[in-house]
């Protein structure tokens, strides 16, 4: 799936956008400056609806009544990237995205879930899905548009399982003094 078609899904969905993340880290070039600042213990560049088209997109669509959510499968100790990502999750949550974390120590039955995916409008008669494929270093190597009804249903089942097991971000942060 090309970038333009993938990007269009975020404007076209009508009800829900859900992201499953399963990796301990991702190699995203656009995050390099913020990750470097995190490693150095320095203030990160501002990321808000004013500076981030992504956060602006979430804020504008949630204001229209659309729902964004994400669940990340985690292990302790958290990787450096996940510690960094928690800060970004707070920013995303501030503009309306619901973030949940699934501790695999508490839910080993979810250990083999994957690959990562986006699932749009899963509870409608027009769901759309995209499997996200990464290399061992967390670099995106491809996106696969899912159209088969059975595969979309399996993605929706996975979504329900992880949402039931997920700890809300604020509850996780409070419990782990993060």
C-alpha atoms as a PDB file:
ATOM      1  CA  UNK A   1       0.000   0.000   0.000  1.00  0.00           C
ATOM      2  CA  UNK A   2       1.523   3.312  -1.016  1.00  0.00           C
ATOM      3  CA  UNK A   3       1.927   6.232   1.385  1.00  0.00           C
ATOM      4  CA  UNK A   4      -0.768   8.401  -0.207  1.00  0.00           C
ATOM      5  CA  UNK A   5      -3.409   5.649  -0.002  1.00  0.00           C
ATOM      6  CA  UNK A   6      -2.423   4.878   3.584  1.00  0.00           C
ATOM      7  CA  UNK A   7      -2.515   8.537   4.604  1.00  0.00           C
ATOM      8  CA  UNK A   8      -5.960   8.955   3.027  1.00  0.00           C
ATOM      9  CA  UNK A   9      -7.423   6.343   5.391  1.00  0.00           C
ATOM     10  CA  UNK A  10      -6.928   8.750   8.306  1.00  0.00           C
ATOM     11  CA  UNK A  11      -9.134  11.311   6.597  1.00  0.00           C
ATOM     12  CA  UNK A  12     -11.695   8.829   5.267  1.00  0.00           C
ATOM     13  CA  UNK A  13     -12.578   6.815   8.384  1.00  0.00           C
ATOM     14  CA  UNK A  14     -15.961   7.667   9.861  1.00  0.00           C
ATOM     15  CA  UNK A  15     -15.978   6.257  13.407  1.00  0.00           C
ATOM     16  CA  UNK A  16     -12.848   4.587  14.786  1.00  0.00           C
ATOM     17  CA  UNK A  17      -9.136   4.314  14.157  1.00  0.00           C
ATOM     18  CA  UNK A  18      -7.244   1.709  16.190  1.00  0.00           C
ATOM     19  CA  UNK A  19      -3.524   0.954  16.256  1.00  0.00           C
ATOM     20  CA  UNK A  20      -1.947  -2.217  17.633  1.00  0.00           C
ATOM     21  CA  UNK A  21       1.750  -1.897  18.473  1.00  0.00           C
ATOM     22  CA  UNK A  22       3.724  -4.997  19.402  1.00  0.00           C
ATOM     23  CA  UNK A  23       7.385  -4.026  19.083  1.00  0.00           C
ATOM     24  CA  UNK A  24       9.696  -2.781  21.844  1.00  0.00           C
ATOM     25  CA  UNK A  25      10.991  -0.090  19.490  1.00  0.00           C
ATOM     26  CA  UNK A  26      10.505   1.563  16.133  1.00  0.00           C
ATOM     27  CA  UNK A  27      13.030   3.279  13.874  1.00  0.00           C
ATOM     28  CA  UNK A  28      11.241   6.421  12.721  1.00  0.00           C
ATOM     29  CA  UNK A  29      13.484   9.043  11.140  1.00  0.00           C
ATOM     30  CA  UNK A  30      11.064  11.859  11.985  1.00  0.00           C
ATOM     31  CA  UNK A  31      11.599  11.095  15.686  1.00  0.00           C
ATOM     32  CA  UNK A  32      15.395  11.310  15.639  1.00  0.00           C
ATOM     33  CA  UNK A  33      15.666  14.814  17.150  1.00  0.00           C
ATOM     34  CA  UNK A  34      13.150  14.089  19.890  1.00  0.00           C
ATOM     35  CA  UNK A  35      14.741  10.713  20.699  1.00  0.00           C
ATOM     36  CA  UNK A  36      18.197  12.323  20.852  1.00  0.00           C
ATOM     37  CA  UNK A  37      16.900  14.976  23.286  1.00  0.00           C
ATOM     38  CA  UNK A  38      15.316  12.228  25.408  1.00  0.00           C
ATOM     39  CA  UNK A  39      18.607  10.303  25.521  1.00  0.00           C
ATOM     40  CA  UNK A  40      20.468  13.433  26.582  1.00  0.00           C
ATOM     41  CA  UNK A  41      17.921  14.321  29.262  1.00  0.00           C
ATOM     42  CA  UNK A  42      17.204  17.570  27.447  1.00  0.00           C
ATOM     43  CA  UNK A  43      13.828  19.154  26.741  1.00  0.00           C
ATOM     44  CA  UNK A  44      12.245  17.669  23.675  1.00  0.00           C
ATOM     45  CA  UNK A  45      11.152  19.878  20.796  1.00  0.00           C
ATOM     46  CA  UNK A  46       7.564  21.014  21.239  1.00  0.00           C
ATOM     47  CA  UNK A  47       4.960  18.600  19.915  1.00  0.00           C
ATOM     48  CA  UNK A  48       1.444  19.986  20.004  1.00  0.00           C
ATOM     49  CA  UNK A  49      -1.487  20.673  17.702  1.00  0.00           C
ATOM     50  CA  UNK A  50       0.398  23.830  16.765  1.00  0.00           C
ATOM     51  CA  UNK A  51       3.566  22.025  15.652  1.00  0.00           C
ATOM     52  CA  UNK A  52       2.432  18.513  14.707  1.00  0.00           C
ATOM     53  CA  UNK A  53       0.137  17.790  11.748  1.00  0.00           C
ATOM     54  CA  UNK A  54      -0.451  14.318  13.253  1.00  0.00           C
ATOM     55  CA  UNK A  55      -1.692  15.670  16.585  1.00  0.00           C
ATOM     56  CA  UNK A  56      -3.736  18.327  14.776  1.00  0.00           C
ATOM     57  CA  UNK A  57      -5.389  15.556  12.708  1.00  0.00           C
ATOM     58  CA  UNK A  58      -6.302  13.601  15.857  1.00  0.00           C
ATOM     59  CA  UNK A  59      -7.644  16.695  17.622  1.00  0.00           C
ATOM     60  CA  UNK A  60      -9.729  17.822  14.665  1.00  0.00           C
ATOM     61  CA  UNK A  61     -11.261  14.402  14.027  1.00  0.00           C
ATOM     62  CA  UNK A  62     -12.043  13.754  17.710  1.00  0.00           C
ATOM     63  CA  UNK A  63     -13.781  17.147  17.754  1.00  0.00           C
ATOM     64  CA  UNK A  64     -15.941  15.744  14.922  1.00  0.00           C
ATOM     65  CA  UNK A  65     -16.864  12.742  17.096  1.00  0.00           C
ATOM     66  CA  UNK A  66     -14.394  10.225  15.704  1.00  0.00           C
ATOM     67  CA  UNK A  67     -12.482   7.946  18.073  1.00  0.00           C
ATOM     68  CA  UNK A  68      -8.753   7.173  18.064  1.00  0.00           C
ATOM     69  CA  UNK A  69      -7.230   4.456  20.234  1.00  0.00           C
ATOM     70  CA  UNK A  70      -4.004   2.534  20.498  1.00  0.00           C
ATOM     71  CA  UNK A  71      -2.752  -0.432  22.479  1.00  0.00           C
ATOM     72  CA  UNK A  72       0.895  -1.369  22.917  1.00  0.00           C
ATOM     73  CA  UNK A  73       2.040  -4.784  24.122  1.00  0.00           C
ATOM     74  CA  UNK A  74       4.898  -4.249  26.595  1.00  0.00           C
ATOM     75  CA  UNK A  75       7.448  -6.139  28.675  1.00  0.00           C
ATOM     76  CA  UNK A  76       9.422  -5.008  31.694  1.00  0.00           C
ATOM     77  CA  UNK A  77      11.935  -3.588  31.886  1.00  0.00           C
ATOM     78  CA  UNK A  78      10.765  -1.189  29.216  1.00  0.00           C
ATOM     79  CA  UNK A  79      13.084  -0.562  26.299  1.00  0.00           C
ATOM     80  CA  UNK A  80      14.587   2.902  25.946  1.00  0.00           C
ATOM     81  CA  UNK A  81      12.269   3.512  23.018  1.00  0.00           C
ATOM     82  CA  UNK A  82       9.166   2.595  25.025  1.00  0.00           C
ATOM     83  CA  UNK A  83      10.219   4.928  27.861  1.00  0.00           C
ATOM     84  CA  UNK A  84      10.584   7.651  25.242  1.00  0.00           C
ATOM     85  CA  UNK A  85       7.298   6.716  23.598  1.00  0.00           C
ATOM     86  CA  UNK A  86       5.359   7.030  26.864  1.00  0.00           C
ATOM     87  CA  UNK A  87       6.057  10.764  26.775  1.00  0.00           C
ATOM     88  CA  UNK A  88       4.678  10.940  23.240  1.00  0.00           C
ATOM     89  CA  UNK A  89       1.638   8.974  24.322  1.00  0.00           C
ATOM     90  CA  UNK A  90       0.852  11.654  26.894  1.00  0.00           C
ATOM     91  CA  UNK A  91       0.905  14.217  24.077  1.00  0.00           C
ATOM     92  CA  UNK A  92      -1.375  12.072  21.903  1.00  0.00           C
ATOM     93  CA  UNK A  93      -3.741  11.441  24.781  1.00  0.00           C
ATOM     94  CA  UNK A  94      -3.955  15.190  25.423  1.00  0.00           C
ATOM     95  CA  UNK A  95      -5.523  15.683  21.979  1.00  0.00           C
ATOM     96  CA  UNK A  96      -8.033  12.852  22.324  1.00  0.00           C
ATOM     97  CA  UNK A  97      -6.381   9.511  21.565  1.00  0.00           C
ATOM     98  CA  UNK A  98      -7.070   6.723  24.088  1.00  0.00           C
ATOM     99  CA  UNK A  99      -3.857   4.884  24.925  1.00  0.00           C
ATOM    100  CA  UNK A 100      -3.699   1.479  26.597  1.00  0.00           C
ATOM    101  CA  UNK A 101      -0.757  -0.693  27.578  1.00  0.00           C
ATOM    102  CA  UNK A 102      -0.893  -4.478  27.824  1.00  0.00           C
ATOM    103  CA  UNK A 103       1.697  -5.935  30.189  1.00  0.00           C
ATOM    104  CA  UNK A 104       2.540  -9.329  28.722  1.00  0.00           C
ATOM    105  CA  UNK A 105       3.609 -10.610  32.147  1.00  0.00           C
ATOM    106  CA  UNK A 106      -0.068 -10.314  33.125  1.00  0.00           C
ATOM    107  CA  UNK A 107      -1.386 -11.509  29.738  1.00  0.00           C
ATOM    108  CA  UNK A 108       0.977 -14.130  28.296  1.00  0.00           C
ATOM    109  CA  UNK A 109      -1.870 -15.405  26.129  1.00  0.00           C
ATOM    110  CA  UNK A 110      -1.435 -12.265  24.011  1.00  0.00           C
ATOM    111  CA  UNK A 111       2.299 -12.811  23.515  1.00  0.00           C
ATOM    112  CA  UNK A 112       2.031 -13.991  19.915  1.00  0.00           C
ATOM    113  CA  UNK A 113      -0.233 -11.236  18.623  1.00  0.00           C
ATOM    114  CA  UNK A 114       0.964  -9.430  15.585  1.00  0.00           C
ATOM    115  CA  UNK A 115       1.895  -8.083  13.247  1.00  0.00           C
ATOM    116  CA  UNK A 116       1.170  -4.456  14.066  1.00  0.00           C
ATOM    117  CA  UNK A 117      -1.872  -3.029  12.338  1.00  0.00           C
ATOM    118  CA  UNK A 118      -4.264  -0.156  11.873  1.00  0.00           C
ATOM    119  CA  UNK A 119      -7.966  -0.983  11.870  1.00  0.00           C
ATOM    120  CA  UNK A 120     -10.526   1.596  10.794  1.00  0.00           C
ATOM    121  CA  UNK A 121     -14.276   1.512  11.407  1.00  0.00           C
ATOM    122  CA  UNK A 122     -14.165  -2.043  12.742  1.00  0.00           C
ATOM    123  CA  UNK A 123     -17.728  -1.956  14.081  1.00  0.00           C
ATOM    124  CA  UNK A 124     -19.273  -0.776  10.825  1.00  0.00           C
ATOM    125  CA  UNK A 125     -20.170  -2.482   7.576  1.00  0.00           C
ATOM    126  CA  UNK A 126     -17.102  -0.953   5.897  1.00  0.00           C
ATOM    127  CA  UNK A 127     -14.037  -1.805   8.022  1.00  0.00           C
ATOM    128  CA  UNK A 128     -10.585  -1.271   6.566  1.00  0.00           C
ATOM    129  CA  UNK A 129      -7.304  -2.639   7.783  1.00  0.00           C
ATOM    130  CA  UNK A 130      -3.606  -2.231   7.169  1.00  0.00           C
ATOM    131  CA  UNK A 131      -0.971  -4.661   8.392  1.00  0.00           C
ATOM    132  CA  UNK A 132       2.292  -2.917   9.220  1.00  0.00           C
ATOM    133  CA  UNK A 133       5.449  -4.893   8.449  1.00  0.00           C
ATOM    134  CA  UNK A 134       8.757  -4.049  10.149  1.00  0.00           C
ATOM    135  CA  UNK A 135      12.278  -5.419   9.987  1.00  0.00           C
ATOM    136  CA  UNK A 136      14.132  -6.608  13.096  1.00  0.00           C
ATOM    137  CA  UNK A 137      15.339  -3.058  13.777  1.00  0.00           C
ATOM    138  CA  UNK A 138      11.805  -1.645  13.853  1.00  0.00           C
ATOM    139  CA  UNK A 139      12.018  -0.014  10.413  1.00  0.00           C
ATOM    140  CA  UNK A 140       8.819  -0.019   8.399  1.00  0.00           C
ATOM    141  CA  UNK A 141       9.340  -2.206   5.346  1.00  0.00           C
ATOM    142  CA  UNK A 142       5.796  -2.317   4.020  1.00  0.00           C
ATOM    143  CA  UNK A 143       2.091  -1.904   4.506  1.00  0.00           C
ATOM    144  CA  UNK A 144      -0.471  -4.467   3.423  1.00  0.00           C
ATOM    145  CA  UNK A 145      -4.024  -3.322   2.728  1.00  0.00           C
ATOM    146  CA  UNK A 146      -6.442  -5.889   4.159  1.00  0.00           C
ATOM    147  CA  UNK A 147      -9.741  -6.368   2.356  1.00  0.00           C
ATOM    148  CA  UNK A 148     -10.675  -9.997   3.092  1.00  0.00           C
ATOM    149  CA  UNK A 149     -13.636 -10.196   5.449  1.00  0.00           C
ATOM    150  CA  UNK A 150     -12.127 -13.031   7.526  1.00  0.00           C
ATOM    151  CA  UNK A 151      -8.854 -11.154   8.043  1.00  0.00           C
ATOM    152  CA  UNK A 152     -10.681  -7.964   9.026  1.00  0.00           C
ATOM    153  CA  UNK A 153     -12.786  -9.976  11.493  1.00  0.00           C
ATOM    154  CA  UNK A 154      -9.610 -11.469  13.003  1.00  0.00           C
ATOM    155  CA  UNK A 155      -8.142  -7.989  13.380  1.00  0.00           C
ATOM    156  CA  UNK A 156     -11.352  -6.823  15.106  1.00  0.00           C
ATOM    157  CA  UNK A 157     -11.149  -9.787  17.492  1.00  0.00           C
ATOM    158  CA  UNK A 158      -7.544  -8.922  18.305  1.00  0.00           C
ATOM    159  CA  UNK A 159      -8.585  -5.324  18.917  1.00  0.00           C
ATOM    160  CA  UNK A 160     -11.255  -6.433  21.416  1.00  0.00           C
ATOM    161  CA  UNK A 161      -8.820  -8.764  23.216  1.00  0.00           C
ATOM    162  CA  UNK A 162      -6.147  -6.127  23.698  1.00  0.00           C
ATOM    163  CA  UNK A 163      -8.637  -3.435  24.676  1.00  0.00           C
ATOM    164  CA  UNK A 164      -9.993  -5.733  27.400  1.00  0.00           C
ATOM    165  CA  UNK A 165      -6.479  -6.404  28.707  1.00  0.00           C
ATOM    166  CA  UNK A 166      -5.108  -2.883  28.358  1.00  0.00           C
ATOM    167  CA  UNK A 167      -4.277  -0.654  31.283  1.00  0.00           C
ATOM    168  CA  UNK A 168      -5.166   3.007  30.581  1.00  0.00           C
ATOM    169  CA  UNK A 169      -2.047   5.128  30.136  1.00  0.00           C
ATOM    170  CA  UNK A 170      -2.625   7.309  33.210  1.00  0.00           C
ATOM    171  CA  UNK A 171      -3.224   4.284  35.437  1.00  0.00           C
ATOM    172  CA  UNK A 172      -0.009   2.692  34.135  1.00  0.00           C
ATOM    173  CA  UNK A 173       2.011   5.883  34.633  1.00  0.00           C
ATOM    174  CA  UNK A 174       0.721   6.337  38.185  1.00  0.00           C
ATOM    175  CA  UNK A 175       1.462   2.700  39.118  1.00  0.00           C
ATOM    176  CA  UNK A 176       4.968   2.800  37.660  1.00  0.00           C
ATOM    177  CA  UNK A 177       5.942   6.349  38.637  1.00  0.00           C
ATOM    178  CA  UNK A 178       6.766   6.965  35.011  1.00  0.00           C
END
